[in-house]
Amino acid sequence: MIIKVCGMADPGNIQGLVELGLVDWMGMIFFPPSRRYVPGFGHAPDSYRKWPIPRVGVFVNASAALIRSTVHAYGLDKVQLHGDESVGQVEEIRNGFEGELIKVFRMGADWSWEALELYLPHVDYFLFDTDGPSFGGTGHRFNWEILKEYTLDKPFLLSGGIGAEQVAEILECYQSLPAMKGIDINSRFEKKAGWKDLKLIRKFALEIKSNAK
């Protein structure tokens, strides 16, 4: 199972995360209103290029040009689109980026799977998060029962308020949903915004990795 830790912002904290050897992808947020906005932590882009872990840049309604320049500056391997990007915008970003592309959808009460179909040719993964009043994480989970209705031929990651106490539920989803390939964790594993609790992540990731089949 892919474990993605999002909202990484400080190079020292990132170094510790990499040394755990248990995390598959690292997410860095390039959305200025976010408390985890990477440039806001004051480190040069080169500070983020040295680690042997796939780096995922998270963007919200950003232009293709801005995404391309950020990918180059920070050495990003994947791009995650967390806003209201149209199919046309996603296609434009896809055409200028050789890495993997992840499109996020926020799951609300009136959710319809039909909204995803036009995105299928342009993305490598979907990521399902909890709907909320803003584009940032809510710290709350949506109703995972909705995922049993997913029939599209596209792998996805599960996000939205995932905490260390949910290992059994996550494993149940992973084993029963063939398209689920991983999870995305963030705020519930933090000491403060942009600073992850590495001991908590280590315990959680060991439990996931040792039991995911």
N, C-alpha and C. Protein backbone atom coordinates (compact mmCIF):
# COMPACT_ATOMS: atom_id res chain seq x y z
N MET A 1 0.84 -1.19 0.00
CA MET A 1 0.00 0.00 0.00
C MET A 1 0.88 1.25 0.00
N ILE A 2 0.56 2.18 -0.88
CA ILE A 2 1.27 3.45 -0.92
C ILE A 2 0.89 4.28 0.31
N ILE A 3 1.90 4.79 1.01
CA ILE A 3 1.66 5.74 2.09
C ILE A 3 2.24 7.08 1.65
N LYS A 4 1.37 8.06 1.49
CA LYS A 4 1.79 9.41 1.13
C LYS A 4 1.59 10.30 2.36
N VAL A 5 2.64 10.99 2.74
CA VAL A 5 2.55 11.96 3.83
C VAL A 5 2.56 13.34 3.20
N CYS A 6 1.48 14.07 3.35
CA CYS A 6 1.35 15.38 2.71
C CYS A 6 1.61 16.50 3.72
N GLY A 7 1.80 17.70 3.19
CA GLY A 7 2.00 18.86 4.04
C GLY A 7 3.38 18.93 4.67
N MET A 8 4.38 18.29 4.04
CA MET A 8 5.75 18.40 4.51
C MET A 8 6.31 19.75 4.08
N ALA A 9 7.04 20.42 4.99
CA ALA A 9 7.49 21.77 4.67
C ALA A 9 8.89 22.10 5.15
N ASP A 10 9.37 21.45 6.19
CA ASP A 10 10.68 21.79 6.74
C ASP A 10 11.70 20.72 6.35
N PRO A 11 12.85 21.10 5.77
CA PRO A 11 13.84 20.11 5.33
C PRO A 11 14.31 19.16 6.42
N GLY A 12 14.47 19.64 7.65
CA GLY A 12 14.90 18.76 8.73
C GLY A 12 13.85 17.70 9.05
N ASN A 13 12.60 18.10 9.07
CA ASN A 13 11.50 17.16 9.30
C ASN A 13 11.39 16.16 8.15
N ILE A 14 11.61 16.64 6.94
CA ILE A 14 11.59 15.76 5.77
C ILE A 14 12.71 14.74 5.85
N GLN A 15 13.91 15.16 6.25
CA GLN A 15 15.03 14.24 6.39
C GLN A 15 14.68 13.11 7.36
N GLY A 16 14.05 13.45 8.47
CA GLY A 16 13.64 12.44 9.42
C GLY A 16 12.61 11.49 8.85
N LEU A 17 11.68 12.03 8.07
CA LEU A 17 10.66 11.19 7.44
C LEU A 17 11.30 10.20 6.48
N VAL A 18 12.23 10.67 5.67
CA VAL A 18 12.91 9.80 4.71
C VAL A 18 13.68 8.70 5.42
N GLU A 19 14.31 9.04 6.52
CA GLU A 19 15.11 8.06 7.26
C GLU A 19 14.25 6.94 7.87
N LEU A 20 12.97 7.18 8.04
CA LEU A 20 12.10 6.10 8.53
C LEU A 20 12.07 4.93 7.57
N GLY A 21 12.17 5.23 6.26
CA GLY A 21 12.15 4.17 5.26
C GLY A 21 10.81 3.49 5.09
N LEU A 22 9.74 4.15 5.53
CA LEU A 22 8.41 3.53 5.53
C LEU A 22 7.40 4.29 4.69
N VAL A 23 7.79 5.46 4.21
CA VAL A 23 6.86 6.32 3.48
C VAL A 23 7.23 6.29 2.00
N ASP A 24 6.20 6.20 1.14
CA ASP A 24 6.42 6.03 -0.30
C ASP A 24 6.46 7.35 -1.06
N TRP A 25 5.58 8.29 -0.72
CA TRP A 25 5.52 9.58 -1.39
C TRP A 25 5.47 10.68 -0.34
N MET A 26 6.06 11.83 -0.69
CA MET A 26 6.03 13.00 0.19
C MET A 26 5.33 14.14 -0.53
N GLY A 27 4.32 14.71 0.10
CA GLY A 27 3.58 15.81 -0.51
C GLY A 27 4.01 17.16 0.02
N MET A 28 4.18 18.12 -0.90
CA MET A 28 4.53 19.49 -0.53
C MET A 28 3.49 20.43 -1.15
N ILE A 29 2.99 21.36 -0.37
CA ILE A 29 1.85 22.18 -0.78
C ILE A 29 2.33 23.52 -1.33
N PHE A 30 1.84 23.85 -2.53
CA PHE A 30 2.17 25.11 -3.19
C PHE A 30 0.89 25.92 -3.42
N PHE A 31 0.17 26.14 -2.34
CA PHE A 31 -1.06 26.91 -2.33
C PHE A 31 -0.89 27.98 -1.25
N PRO A 32 -0.68 29.24 -1.63
CA PRO A 32 -0.29 30.27 -0.66
C PRO A 32 -1.16 30.40 0.59
N PRO A 33 -2.50 30.22 0.51
CA PRO A 33 -3.28 30.35 1.75
C PRO A 33 -3.04 29.24 2.78
N SER A 34 -2.41 28.14 2.36
CA SER A 34 -2.20 27.02 3.27
C SER A 34 -1.16 27.34 4.33
N ARG A 35 -1.39 26.88 5.54
CA ARG A 35 -0.40 27.03 6.61
C ARG A 35 0.83 26.16 6.35
N ARG A 36 0.73 25.26 5.40
CA ARG A 36 1.84 24.36 5.05
C ARG A 36 2.47 24.75 3.71
N TYR A 37 2.24 25.97 3.28
CA TYR A 37 2.77 26.47 2.01
C TYR A 37 4.30 26.44 2.05
N VAL A 38 4.90 25.64 1.19
CA VAL A 38 6.34 25.38 1.26
C VAL A 38 7.19 26.65 1.15
N PRO A 39 6.97 27.53 0.15
CA PRO A 39 7.80 28.74 0.09
C PRO A 39 7.69 29.62 1.33
N GLY A 40 6.59 29.51 2.04
CA GLY A 40 6.40 30.30 3.24
C GLY A 40 7.31 29.92 4.40
N PHE A 41 7.97 28.76 4.30
CA PHE A 41 8.87 28.32 5.36
C PHE A 41 10.29 28.86 5.16
N GLY A 42 10.53 29.56 4.04
CA GLY A 42 11.75 30.32 3.88
C GLY A 42 12.98 29.56 3.43
N HIS A 43 12.82 28.33 2.95
CA HIS A 43 13.96 27.55 2.49
C HIS A 43 14.07 27.62 0.96
N ALA A 44 15.29 27.61 0.44
CA ALA A 44 15.51 27.66 -1.00
C ALA A 44 14.99 26.39 -1.67
N PRO A 45 14.50 26.48 -2.90
CA PRO A 45 14.00 25.30 -3.59
C PRO A 45 14.99 24.14 -3.63
N ASP A 46 16.29 24.43 -3.76
CA ASP A 46 17.29 23.36 -3.81
C ASP A 46 17.31 22.54 -2.53
N SER A 47 16.81 23.09 -1.43
CA SER A 47 16.79 22.36 -0.17
C SER A 47 15.87 21.15 -0.21
N TYR A 48 14.99 21.11 -1.19
CA TYR A 48 13.98 20.04 -1.26
C TYR A 48 14.26 19.00 -2.35
N ARG A 49 15.39 19.09 -3.01
CA ARG A 49 15.64 18.24 -4.17
C ARG A 49 16.47 16.99 -3.88
N LYS A 50 17.00 16.86 -2.67
CA LYS A 50 18.06 15.88 -2.43
C LYS A 50 17.58 14.51 -1.97
N TRP A 51 16.32 14.37 -1.60
CA TRP A 51 15.90 13.12 -0.97
C TRP A 51 15.45 12.07 -1.99
N PRO A 52 15.80 10.79 -1.74
CA PRO A 52 15.41 9.71 -2.65
C PRO A 52 13.99 9.22 -2.38
N ILE A 53 13.05 10.14 -2.45
CA ILE A 53 11.64 9.81 -2.24
C ILE A 53 10.83 10.61 -3.24
N PRO A 54 9.84 10.01 -3.89
CA PRO A 54 9.02 10.76 -4.84
C PRO A 54 8.36 11.96 -4.18
N ARG A 55 8.52 13.12 -4.80
CA ARG A 55 7.97 14.38 -4.28
C ARG A 55 6.72 14.76 -5.07
N VAL A 56 5.64 14.98 -4.35
CA VAL A 56 4.35 15.33 -4.95
C VAL A 56 4.07 16.79 -4.66
N GLY A 57 3.93 17.59 -5.71
CA GLY A 57 3.57 18.99 -5.54
C GLY A 57 2.05 19.15 -5.57
N VAL A 58 1.50 19.78 -4.55
CA VAL A 58 0.05 19.95 -4.43
C VAL A 58 -0.31 21.39 -4.84
N PHE A 59 -1.20 21.51 -5.82
CA PHE A 59 -1.59 22.81 -6.37
C PHE A 59 -3.11 22.95 -6.34
N VAL A 60 -3.56 24.19 -6.24
CA VAL A 60 -5.00 24.48 -6.24
C VAL A 60 -5.28 25.53 -7.31
N ASN A 61 -5.93 25.10 -8.39
CA ASN A 61 -6.33 26.01 -9.47
C ASN A 61 -5.16 26.85 -9.99
N ALA A 62 -3.99 26.26 -10.06
CA ALA A 62 -2.80 26.96 -10.54
C ALA A 62 -2.69 26.83 -12.05
N SER A 63 -2.04 27.80 -12.68
CA SER A 63 -1.85 27.75 -14.13
C SER A 63 -0.83 26.66 -14.49
N ALA A 64 -0.93 26.18 -15.72
CA ALA A 64 0.02 25.18 -16.18
C ALA A 64 1.44 25.73 -16.14
N ALA A 65 1.60 27.00 -16.47
CA ALA A 65 2.94 27.60 -16.47
C ALA A 65 3.53 27.63 -15.06
N LEU A 66 2.72 28.01 -14.08
CA LEU A 66 3.22 28.04 -12.70
C LEU A 66 3.58 26.64 -12.22
N ILE A 67 2.77 25.66 -12.56
CA ILE A 67 3.06 24.29 -12.16
C ILE A 67 4.37 23.82 -12.79
N ARG A 68 4.56 24.10 -14.08
CA ARG A 68 5.79 23.66 -14.74
C ARG A 68 7.02 24.30 -14.09
N SER A 69 6.96 25.59 -13.79
CA SER A 69 8.12 26.25 -13.20
C SER A 69 8.40 25.71 -11.79
N THR A 70 7.35 25.40 -11.04
CA THR A 70 7.53 24.86 -9.69
C THR A 70 8.08 23.44 -9.74
N VAL A 71 7.59 22.65 -10.67
CA VAL A 71 8.11 21.29 -10.86
C VAL A 71 9.62 21.34 -11.12
N HIS A 72 10.03 22.25 -11.97
CA HIS A 72 11.46 22.37 -12.30
C HIS A 72 12.26 22.85 -11.09
N ALA A 73 11.77 23.86 -10.39
CA ALA A 73 12.52 24.45 -9.28
C ALA A 73 12.70 23.48 -8.12
N TYR A 74 11.66 22.70 -7.83
CA TYR A 74 11.68 21.83 -6.66
C TYR A 74 11.94 20.35 -6.99
N GLY A 75 12.12 20.04 -8.26
CA GLY A 75 12.38 18.66 -8.64
C GLY A 75 11.23 17.73 -8.34
N LEU A 76 10.02 18.18 -8.63
CA LEU A 76 8.83 17.38 -8.30
C LEU A 76 8.68 16.21 -9.26
N ASP A 77 8.25 15.08 -8.73
CA ASP A 77 8.04 13.86 -9.53
C ASP A 77 6.58 13.68 -9.92
N LYS A 78 5.68 14.20 -9.11
CA LYS A 78 4.25 14.04 -9.33
C LYS A 78 3.56 15.36 -9.04
N VAL A 79 2.41 15.54 -9.65
CA VAL A 79 1.60 16.75 -9.41
C VAL A 79 0.22 16.33 -8.95
N GLN A 80 -0.25 16.95 -7.88
CA GLN A 80 -1.59 16.70 -7.34
C GLN A 80 -2.42 17.96 -7.50
N LEU A 81 -3.55 17.83 -8.17
CA LEU A 81 -4.44 18.97 -8.43
C LEU A 81 -5.60 18.90 -7.44
N HIS A 82 -5.64 19.86 -6.53
CA HIS A 82 -6.55 19.79 -5.39
C HIS A 82 -7.69 20.81 -5.49
N GLY A 83 -7.82 21.47 -6.65
CA GLY A 83 -8.83 22.51 -6.78
C GLY A 83 -10.01 22.09 -7.62
N ASP A 84 -10.58 23.07 -8.33
CA ASP A 84 -11.73 22.83 -9.20
C ASP A 84 -11.30 22.79 -10.67
N GLU A 85 -10.15 22.23 -10.93
CA GLU A 85 -9.60 22.21 -12.28
C GLU A 85 -10.54 21.49 -13.25
N SER A 86 -10.81 22.15 -14.38
CA SER A 86 -11.66 21.55 -15.40
C SER A 86 -10.88 20.46 -16.16
N VAL A 87 -11.61 19.69 -16.95
CA VAL A 87 -10.95 18.67 -17.77
C VAL A 87 -9.94 19.32 -18.71
N GLY A 88 -10.31 20.45 -19.28
CA GLY A 88 -9.40 21.14 -20.19
C GLY A 88 -8.13 21.60 -19.50
N GLN A 89 -8.26 22.12 -18.29
CA GLN A 89 -7.09 22.56 -17.54
C GLN A 89 -6.20 21.38 -17.18
N VAL A 90 -6.81 20.28 -16.80
CA VAL A 90 -6.02 19.09 -16.46
C VAL A 90 -5.30 18.57 -17.69
N GLU A 91 -5.97 18.59 -18.82
CA GLU A 91 -5.33 18.14 -20.06
C GLU A 91 -4.14 19.02 -20.41
N GLU A 92 -4.27 20.33 -20.23
CA GLU A 92 -3.17 21.25 -20.51
C GLU A 92 -1.98 20.97 -19.59
N ILE A 93 -2.24 20.73 -18.33
CA ILE A 93 -1.18 20.42 -17.38
C ILE A 93 -0.53 19.08 -17.72
N ARG A 94 -1.35 18.12 -18.08
CA ARG A 94 -0.85 16.80 -18.46
C ARG A 94 0.11 16.87 -19.64
N ASN A 95 -0.21 17.70 -20.63
CA ASN A 95 0.60 17.79 -21.85
C ASN A 95 1.98 18.39 -21.59
N GLY A 96 2.14 19.09 -20.49
CA GLY A 96 3.43 19.70 -20.21
C GLY A 96 4.18 19.06 -19.05
N PHE A 97 3.74 17.86 -18.64
CA PHE A 97 4.33 17.22 -17.47
C PHE A 97 4.48 15.73 -17.71
N GLU A 98 5.69 15.21 -17.52
CA GLU A 98 5.96 13.81 -17.81
C GLU A 98 5.77 12.89 -16.61
N GLY A 99 5.61 13.45 -15.42
CA GLY A 99 5.41 12.62 -14.25
C GLY A 99 3.96 12.22 -14.08
N GLU A 100 3.67 11.59 -12.94
CA GLU A 100 2.30 11.14 -12.68
C GLU A 100 1.44 12.30 -12.18
N LEU A 101 0.18 12.25 -12.58
CA LEU A 101 -0.77 13.31 -12.25
C LEU A 101 -1.90 12.73 -11.40
N ILE A 102 -2.19 13.41 -10.30
CA ILE A 102 -3.24 12.99 -9.36
C ILE A 102 -4.30 14.06 -9.31
N LYS A 103 -5.56 13.68 -9.51
CA LYS A 103 -6.67 14.65 -9.41
C LYS A 103 -7.49 14.34 -8.17
N VAL A 104 -7.67 15.35 -7.34
CA VAL A 104 -8.41 15.22 -6.10
C VAL A 104 -9.88 15.56 -6.32
N PHE A 105 -10.74 14.79 -5.69
CA PHE A 105 -12.17 15.09 -5.66
C PHE A 105 -12.63 15.05 -4.21
N ARG A 106 -13.40 16.06 -3.84
CA ARG A 106 -13.90 16.18 -2.47
C ARG A 106 -15.31 15.57 -2.40
N MET A 107 -15.45 14.64 -1.50
CA MET A 107 -16.66 13.82 -1.43
C MET A 107 -17.70 14.45 -0.52
N GLY A 108 -18.78 14.94 -1.13
CA GLY A 108 -19.86 15.54 -0.37
C GLY A 108 -21.11 14.68 -0.38
N ALA A 109 -22.16 15.20 0.21
CA ALA A 109 -23.41 14.44 0.34
C ALA A 109 -24.06 14.16 -1.00
N ASP A 110 -23.88 15.05 -1.99
CA ASP A 110 -24.53 14.89 -3.28
C ASP A 110 -23.56 14.38 -4.33
N TRP A 111 -22.64 13.51 -3.92
CA TRP A 111 -21.58 13.04 -4.80
C TRP A 111 -22.13 12.20 -5.96
N SER A 112 -21.50 12.36 -7.15
CA SER A 112 -21.83 11.54 -8.31
C SER A 112 -20.54 11.10 -8.98
N TRP A 113 -20.42 9.81 -9.27
CA TRP A 113 -19.20 9.27 -9.90
C TRP A 113 -19.06 9.72 -11.35
N GLU A 114 -20.15 10.15 -11.96
CA GLU A 114 -20.09 10.55 -13.36
C GLU A 114 -19.13 11.71 -13.59
N ALA A 115 -18.90 12.53 -12.57
CA ALA A 115 -18.02 13.69 -12.70
C ALA A 115 -16.58 13.29 -13.03
N LEU A 116 -16.21 12.07 -12.73
CA LEU A 116 -14.82 11.64 -12.89
C LEU A 116 -14.50 11.14 -14.30
N GLU A 117 -15.52 10.73 -15.04
CA GLU A 117 -15.28 9.96 -16.25
C GLU A 117 -14.46 10.71 -17.30
N LEU A 118 -14.70 12.00 -17.47
CA LEU A 118 -13.97 12.76 -18.48
C LEU A 118 -12.51 12.99 -18.11
N TYR A 119 -12.18 12.80 -16.84
CA TYR A 119 -10.79 12.99 -16.39
C TYR A 119 -9.94 11.73 -16.62
N LEU A 120 -10.57 10.60 -16.87
CA LEU A 120 -9.87 9.33 -16.91
C LEU A 120 -8.65 9.31 -17.85
N PRO A 121 -8.73 9.88 -19.07
CA PRO A 121 -7.57 9.78 -19.97
C PRO A 121 -6.38 10.63 -19.55
N HIS A 122 -6.56 11.55 -18.62
CA HIS A 122 -5.55 12.56 -18.36
C HIS A 122 -4.83 12.41 -17.03
N VAL A 123 -5.27 11.51 -16.16
CA VAL A 123 -4.66 11.39 -14.84
C VAL A 123 -4.22 9.95 -14.59
N ASP A 124 -3.31 9.81 -13.63
CA ASP A 124 -2.82 8.48 -13.25
C ASP A 124 -3.51 7.95 -12.01
N TYR A 125 -3.93 8.85 -11.14
CA TYR A 125 -4.64 8.48 -9.91
C TYR A 125 -5.72 9.50 -9.62
N PHE A 126 -6.78 9.04 -8.97
CA PHE A 126 -7.70 9.93 -8.27
C PHE A 126 -7.33 9.90 -6.79
N LEU A 127 -7.68 10.95 -6.09
CA LEU A 127 -7.54 10.98 -4.64
C LEU A 127 -8.85 11.51 -4.08
N PHE A 128 -9.43 10.79 -3.16
CA PHE A 128 -10.73 11.16 -2.59
C PHE A 128 -10.55 11.72 -1.19
N ASP A 129 -11.02 12.95 -1.02
CA ASP A 129 -10.85 13.69 0.22
C ASP A 129 -12.22 14.13 0.72
N THR A 130 -12.27 14.64 1.93
CA THR A 130 -13.51 15.12 2.52
C THR A 130 -13.84 16.51 2.02
N ASP A 131 -15.10 16.72 1.65
CA ASP A 131 -15.53 18.04 1.21
C ASP A 131 -15.55 19.00 2.40
N GLY A 132 -15.27 20.26 2.11
CA GLY A 132 -15.26 21.27 3.17
C GLY A 132 -15.37 22.66 2.58
N PRO A 133 -15.39 23.69 3.41
CA PRO A 133 -15.58 25.06 2.94
C PRO A 133 -14.38 25.64 2.21
N SER A 134 -13.21 25.01 2.35
CA SER A 134 -12.01 25.52 1.69
C SER A 134 -11.30 24.37 1.00
N PHE A 135 -10.18 24.67 0.33
CA PHE A 135 -9.45 23.64 -0.41
C PHE A 135 -8.47 22.88 0.46
N GLY A 136 -8.26 23.29 1.69
CA GLY A 136 -7.34 22.59 2.57
C GLY A 136 -8.00 21.37 3.19
N GLY A 137 -7.20 20.58 3.91
CA GLY A 137 -7.74 19.43 4.59
C GLY A 137 -8.68 19.83 5.72
N THR A 138 -9.67 19.01 5.96
CA THR A 138 -10.65 19.30 7.01
C THR A 138 -10.31 18.62 8.33
N GLY A 139 -9.48 17.59 8.28
CA GLY A 139 -9.22 16.81 9.47
C GLY A 139 -10.33 15.83 9.79
N HIS A 140 -11.33 15.75 8.90
CA HIS A 140 -12.48 14.85 9.09
C HIS A 140 -12.58 13.88 7.92
N ARG A 141 -13.15 12.73 8.18
CA ARG A 141 -13.31 11.73 7.13
C ARG A 141 -14.71 11.79 6.53
N PHE A 142 -14.80 11.37 5.29
CA PHE A 142 -16.12 11.24 4.67
C PHE A 142 -16.61 9.80 4.87
N ASN A 143 -17.77 9.51 4.35
CA ASN A 143 -18.36 8.19 4.49
C ASN A 143 -17.68 7.22 3.52
N TRP A 144 -16.80 6.39 4.03
CA TRP A 144 -16.04 5.48 3.16
C TRP A 144 -16.92 4.44 2.49
N GLU A 145 -18.14 4.27 2.95
CA GLU A 145 -19.06 3.31 2.31
C GLU A 145 -19.31 3.70 0.85
N ILE A 146 -19.19 4.99 0.54
CA ILE A 146 -19.38 5.46 -0.84
C ILE A 146 -18.43 4.74 -1.79
N LEU A 147 -17.25 4.40 -1.33
CA LEU A 147 -16.23 3.82 -2.18
C LEU A 147 -16.62 2.44 -2.72
N LYS A 148 -17.56 1.79 -2.07
CA LYS A 148 -18.02 0.48 -2.55
C LYS A 148 -18.73 0.61 -3.89
N GLU A 149 -19.14 1.84 -4.25
CA GLU A 149 -19.83 2.07 -5.52
C GLU A 149 -18.86 2.41 -6.66
N TYR A 150 -17.58 2.48 -6.34
CA TYR A 150 -16.58 2.88 -7.34
C TYR A 150 -16.32 1.74 -8.31
N THR A 151 -16.51 1.99 -9.60
CA THR A 151 -16.34 0.94 -10.61
C THR A 151 -15.40 1.36 -11.74
N LEU A 152 -14.80 2.53 -11.65
CA LEU A 152 -13.96 3.02 -12.74
C LEU A 152 -12.60 2.33 -12.75
N ASP A 153 -12.01 2.28 -13.93
CA ASP A 153 -10.73 1.62 -14.12
C ASP A 153 -9.60 2.63 -13.92
N LYS A 154 -9.48 3.13 -12.71
CA LYS A 154 -8.43 4.09 -12.38
C LYS A 154 -8.09 3.93 -10.90
N PRO A 155 -6.83 3.74 -10.54
CA PRO A 155 -6.48 3.59 -9.13
C PRO A 155 -6.70 4.87 -8.35
N PHE A 156 -6.94 4.73 -7.06
CA PHE A 156 -7.16 5.91 -6.23
C PHE A 156 -6.46 5.78 -4.89
N LEU A 157 -6.25 6.95 -4.26
CA LEU A 157 -5.76 7.04 -2.90
C LEU A 157 -6.88 7.58 -2.02
N LEU A 158 -6.88 7.13 -0.78
CA LEU A 158 -7.89 7.55 0.20
C LEU A 158 -7.29 8.60 1.12
N SER A 159 -8.02 9.68 1.33
CA SER A 159 -7.58 10.75 2.20
C SER A 159 -8.76 11.26 3.02
N GLY A 160 -8.50 12.26 3.85
CA GLY A 160 -9.59 12.88 4.59
C GLY A 160 -9.66 12.46 6.04
N GLY A 161 -8.93 13.15 6.90
CA GLY A 161 -9.05 12.91 8.34
C GLY A 161 -8.55 11.56 8.80
N ILE A 162 -7.62 10.96 8.08
CA ILE A 162 -7.09 9.66 8.49
C ILE A 162 -6.21 9.84 9.72
N GLY A 163 -6.45 8.99 10.72
CA GLY A 163 -5.69 9.03 11.96
C GLY A 163 -5.09 7.68 12.28
N ALA A 164 -4.21 7.66 13.27
CA ALA A 164 -3.47 6.45 13.62
C ALA A 164 -4.37 5.35 14.15
N GLU A 165 -5.55 5.70 14.62
CA GLU A 165 -6.45 4.71 15.21
C GLU A 165 -7.28 3.96 14.16
N GLN A 166 -7.10 4.29 12.88
CA GLN A 166 -7.96 3.73 11.83
C GLN A 166 -7.30 2.62 11.02
N VAL A 167 -6.25 2.03 11.55
CA VAL A 167 -5.51 1.02 10.78
C VAL A 167 -6.41 -0.11 10.32
N ALA A 168 -7.22 -0.66 11.20
CA ALA A 168 -8.06 -1.80 10.84
C ALA A 168 -9.05 -1.44 9.73
N GLU A 169 -9.66 -0.25 9.82
CA GLU A 169 -10.62 0.18 8.80
C GLU A 169 -9.93 0.42 7.46
N ILE A 170 -8.74 1.00 7.50
CA ILE A 170 -7.98 1.23 6.26
C ILE A 170 -7.64 -0.08 5.59
N LEU A 171 -7.18 -1.05 6.37
CA LEU A 171 -6.82 -2.35 5.81
C LEU A 171 -8.04 -3.05 5.23
N GLU A 172 -9.17 -2.91 5.89
CA GLU A 172 -10.41 -3.51 5.37
C GLU A 172 -10.77 -2.91 4.01
N CYS A 173 -10.67 -1.59 3.89
CA CYS A 173 -10.93 -0.93 2.61
C CYS A 173 -9.95 -1.41 1.55
N TYR A 174 -8.70 -1.46 1.90
CA TYR A 174 -7.65 -1.84 0.96
C TYR A 174 -7.86 -3.25 0.42
N GLN A 175 -8.28 -4.13 1.30
CA GLN A 175 -8.46 -5.53 0.91
C GLN A 175 -9.75 -5.77 0.14
N SER A 176 -10.73 -4.88 0.32
CA SER A 176 -12.03 -5.09 -0.33
C SER A 176 -12.24 -4.23 -1.57
N LEU A 177 -11.37 -3.22 -1.78
CA LEU A 177 -11.52 -2.30 -2.91
C LEU A 177 -10.31 -2.43 -3.82
N PRO A 178 -10.41 -3.18 -4.92
CA PRO A 178 -9.24 -3.44 -5.77
C PRO A 178 -8.57 -2.18 -6.31
N ALA A 179 -9.32 -1.11 -6.52
CA ALA A 179 -8.74 0.10 -7.11
C ALA A 179 -8.01 0.96 -6.07
N MET A 180 -8.19 0.68 -4.81
CA MET A 180 -7.51 1.47 -3.78
C MET A 180 -6.05 1.05 -3.69
N LYS A 181 -5.16 2.02 -3.93
CA LYS A 181 -3.73 1.71 -3.97
C LYS A 181 -2.95 2.35 -2.82
N GLY A 182 -3.59 3.22 -2.05
CA GLY A 182 -2.84 3.83 -0.97
C GLY A 182 -3.65 4.84 -0.20
N ILE A 183 -2.96 5.52 0.72
CA ILE A 183 -3.58 6.51 1.59
C ILE A 183 -2.73 7.78 1.61
N ASP A 184 -3.38 8.87 1.97
CA ASP A 184 -2.75 10.17 2.07
C ASP A 184 -3.03 10.71 3.47
N ILE A 185 -1.98 10.92 4.27
CA ILE A 185 -2.18 11.39 5.63
C ILE A 185 -1.54 12.77 5.80
N ASN A 186 -2.07 13.53 6.78
CA ASN A 186 -1.55 14.88 6.97
C ASN A 186 -1.78 15.37 8.39
N SER A 187 -2.86 16.12 8.60
CA SER A 187 -3.01 16.94 9.80
C SER A 187 -3.05 16.16 11.10
N ARG A 188 -3.57 14.95 11.07
CA ARG A 188 -3.70 14.20 12.31
C ARG A 188 -2.40 13.51 12.73
N PHE A 189 -1.35 13.76 11.97
CA PHE A 189 -0.02 13.25 12.31
C PHE A 189 0.97 14.39 12.53
N GLU A 190 0.44 15.56 12.89
CA GLU A 190 1.29 16.73 13.05
C GLU A 190 1.45 17.16 14.50
N LYS A 191 2.62 17.73 14.78
CA LYS A 191 2.84 18.45 16.03
C LYS A 191 2.37 19.88 15.88
N LYS A 192 2.60 20.44 14.70
CA LYS A 192 2.05 21.74 14.31
C LYS A 192 2.05 21.77 12.80
N ALA A 193 1.41 22.75 12.21
CA ALA A 193 1.25 22.78 10.75
C ALA A 193 2.60 22.70 10.05
N GLY A 194 2.77 21.70 9.20
CA GLY A 194 4.00 21.53 8.44
C GLY A 194 5.07 20.73 9.16
N TRP A 195 4.81 20.30 10.40
CA TRP A 195 5.78 19.54 11.18
C TRP A 195 5.13 18.23 11.62
N LYS A 196 5.62 17.11 11.10
CA LYS A 196 5.01 15.82 11.39
C LYS A 196 5.62 15.15 12.61
N ASP A 197 4.77 14.39 13.29
CA ASP A 197 5.19 13.58 14.43
C ASP A 197 5.75 12.28 13.87
N LEU A 198 7.06 12.18 13.79
CA LEU A 198 7.70 11.05 13.12
C LEU A 198 7.52 9.74 13.88
N LYS A 199 7.46 9.80 15.20
CA LYS A 199 7.23 8.58 15.99
C LYS A 199 5.84 8.02 15.70
N LEU A 200 4.86 8.89 15.61
CA LEU A 200 3.50 8.45 15.34
C LEU A 200 3.39 7.88 13.93
N ILE A 201 4.04 8.53 12.97
CA ILE A 201 4.02 8.02 11.59
C ILE A 201 4.70 6.66 11.51
N ARG A 202 5.82 6.51 12.20
CA ARG A 202 6.54 5.23 12.18
C ARG A 202 5.65 4.10 12.69
N LYS A 203 5.01 4.30 13.83
CA LYS A 203 4.13 3.27 14.40
C LYS A 203 2.99 2.93 13.45
N PHE A 204 2.35 3.96 12.92
CA PHE A 204 1.24 3.77 12.00
C PHE A 204 1.68 3.05 10.73
N ALA A 205 2.77 3.51 10.12
CA ALA A 205 3.24 2.93 8.86
C ALA A 205 3.67 1.48 9.04
N LEU A 206 4.30 1.15 10.16
CA LEU A 206 4.69 -0.24 10.42
C LEU A 206 3.46 -1.13 10.50
N GLU A 207 2.41 -0.66 11.15
CA GLU A 207 1.19 -1.46 11.27
C GLU A 207 0.55 -1.67 9.90
N ILE A 208 0.54 -0.61 9.09
CA ILE A 208 -0.03 -0.71 7.75
C ILE A 208 0.78 -1.66 6.88
N LYS A 209 2.08 -1.43 6.82
CA LYS A 209 2.95 -2.19 5.92
C LYS A 209 3.02 -3.67 6.29
N SER A 210 2.95 -3.97 7.57
CA SER A 210 3.07 -5.36 8.00
C SER A 210 1.78 -6.16 7.82
N ASN A 211 0.68 -5.46 7.59
CA ASN A 211 -0.62 -6.14 7.47
C ASN A 211 -1.31 -5.99 6.12
N ALA A 212 -0.85 -5.08 5.29
CA ALA A 212 -1.46 -4.92 3.97
C ALA A 212 -1.06 -6.07 3.07
N LYS A 213 -2.04 -6.71 2.49
CA LYS A 213 -1.80 -7.88 1.62
C LYS A 213 -2.22 -7.57 0.19
